[in-house]
Protein backbone atom coordinates (compact mmCIF):
# COMPACT_ATOMS: atom_id res chain seq x y z
CA MET A 1 0.00 0.00 0.00
CA ILE A 2 1.30 3.45 -0.91
CA VAL A 3 1.35 5.86 2.01
CA ASP A 4 2.71 8.91 0.20
CA ILE A 5 4.41 10.24 -2.92
CA VAL A 6 6.85 13.03 -2.07
CA ALA A 7 9.59 15.13 -3.65
CA LYS A 8 11.98 17.78 -2.41
CA GLY A 9 11.86 21.26 -3.86
CA SER A 10 11.96 24.88 -2.85
CA ILE A 11 9.60 27.80 -2.48
CA TYR A 12 11.40 31.15 -2.71
CA GLY A 13 14.70 29.43 -1.92
CA ASN A 14 13.37 27.58 1.14
CA THR A 15 13.59 23.78 1.09
CA THR A 16 10.12 22.28 0.98
CA THR A 17 8.67 18.78 0.83
CA PHE A 18 6.01 18.48 -1.86
CA ARG A 19 3.37 15.80 -1.16
CA CYS A 20 0.67 14.00 -3.09
CA GLU A 21 -2.59 15.37 -1.67
CA PRO A 22 -6.13 14.98 -2.96
CA ASN A 23 -7.98 17.97 -4.37
CA LYS A 24 -11.24 19.28 -2.90
CA ASP A 25 -13.11 16.43 -4.64
CA GLY A 26 -10.86 13.79 -3.07
CA LEU A 27 -9.08 12.97 -6.34
CA PHE A 28 -5.36 12.94 -7.16
CA GLU A 29 -4.26 15.04 -10.13
CA LEU A 30 -1.90 14.00 -12.92
CA SER A 31 -1.03 15.71 -16.18
CA LYS A 32 -0.15 14.18 -19.53
CA ILE A 33 3.41 14.86 -20.68
CA VAL A 34 2.88 16.76 -23.92
CA GLY A 35 4.39 19.67 -25.85
CA ARG A 36 5.09 23.19 -24.66
CA LYS A 37 2.91 25.10 -27.14
CA THR A 38 -0.04 27.07 -25.81
CA GLY A 39 -2.98 24.71 -25.28
CA THR A 40 -0.77 21.62 -25.19
CA ARG A 41 1.08 22.35 -21.95
CA PRO A 42 0.80 19.79 -19.14
CA GLN A 43 -1.01 22.31 -16.93
CA SER A 44 -3.76 22.85 -19.55
CA LEU A 45 -7.16 21.56 -18.43
CA CYS A 46 -7.42 19.23 -21.44
CA ASN A 47 -4.30 17.36 -20.26
CA LYS A 48 -5.34 16.79 -16.64
CA VAL A 49 -6.25 13.30 -15.45
CA TYR A 50 -7.82 12.52 -12.08
CA VAL A 51 -7.63 9.21 -10.19
CA GLU A 52 -9.14 8.05 -6.91
CA THR A 53 -6.12 6.36 -5.30
CA LYS A 54 -2.36 6.78 -5.04
CA GLU A 55 -1.98 3.25 -6.42
CA GLU A 56 -3.79 4.27 -9.62
CA ALA A 57 -1.61 7.38 -9.80
CA LEU A 58 1.55 5.28 -9.49
CA LYS A 59 0.43 2.95 -12.29
CA LEU A 60 0.05 5.93 -14.63
CA LEU A 61 3.35 7.47 -13.49
CA LEU A 62 5.22 4.25 -14.25
CA THR A 63 4.21 4.58 -17.93
CA ASN A 64 6.41 7.74 -18.08
CA LYS A 65 3.59 9.54 -19.89
CA TYR A 66 2.37 11.57 -16.89
CA TYR A 67 3.46 14.09 -14.29
CA ILE A 68 1.94 14.01 -10.81
CA SER A 69 0.79 17.22 -9.17
CA LEU A 70 2.38 17.58 -5.74
CA THR A 71 1.56 20.27 -3.18
CA GLY A 72 4.03 22.19 -1.06
CA ARG A 73 3.59 24.82 1.64
CA TYR A 74 6.03 27.21 3.28
CA SER A 75 5.01 29.92 5.74
CA GLY A 76 1.50 30.17 4.30
CA ILE A 77 2.69 30.08 0.68
CA HIS A 78 1.04 27.26 -1.28
CA ARG A 79 2.53 25.93 -4.54
CA LYS A 80 1.95 22.99 -6.86
CA SER A 81 4.72 21.12 -8.64
CA LEU A 82 4.41 18.76 -11.61
CA ARG A 83 6.90 15.90 -11.21
CA ARG A 84 7.99 12.80 -13.12
CA ILE A 85 8.26 9.49 -11.28
CA ALA A 86 12.09 9.66 -11.39
CA THR A 87 12.11 12.73 -9.10
CA CYS A 88 9.62 11.33 -6.56
CA THR A 89 10.02 9.11 -3.54
CA ILE A 90 7.31 6.49 -3.05
CA VAL A 91 6.59 5.71 0.62
CA LYS A 92 5.03 2.26 1.12
CA ILE A 93 4.03 0.22 4.15
């Protein structure tokens, strides 16, 4: 069972741990890895994919065709980070 998907990063130069957290609907967000042109960027709504569990998210990440959206907070500042599986740490029990 997957407990968490995490990655290290920074917010304004401060080291932060980004975590896999569900959105307000209880779903985990991934984005298709696509081009960089306007409308085809990973953060475009048409490229977002939502799954119900971290296990489903991991299955998609392992295809190397998706980024996972991780959330980080530092002193009240909230940021999202799109990450490939290679830059994440999977915490299992």
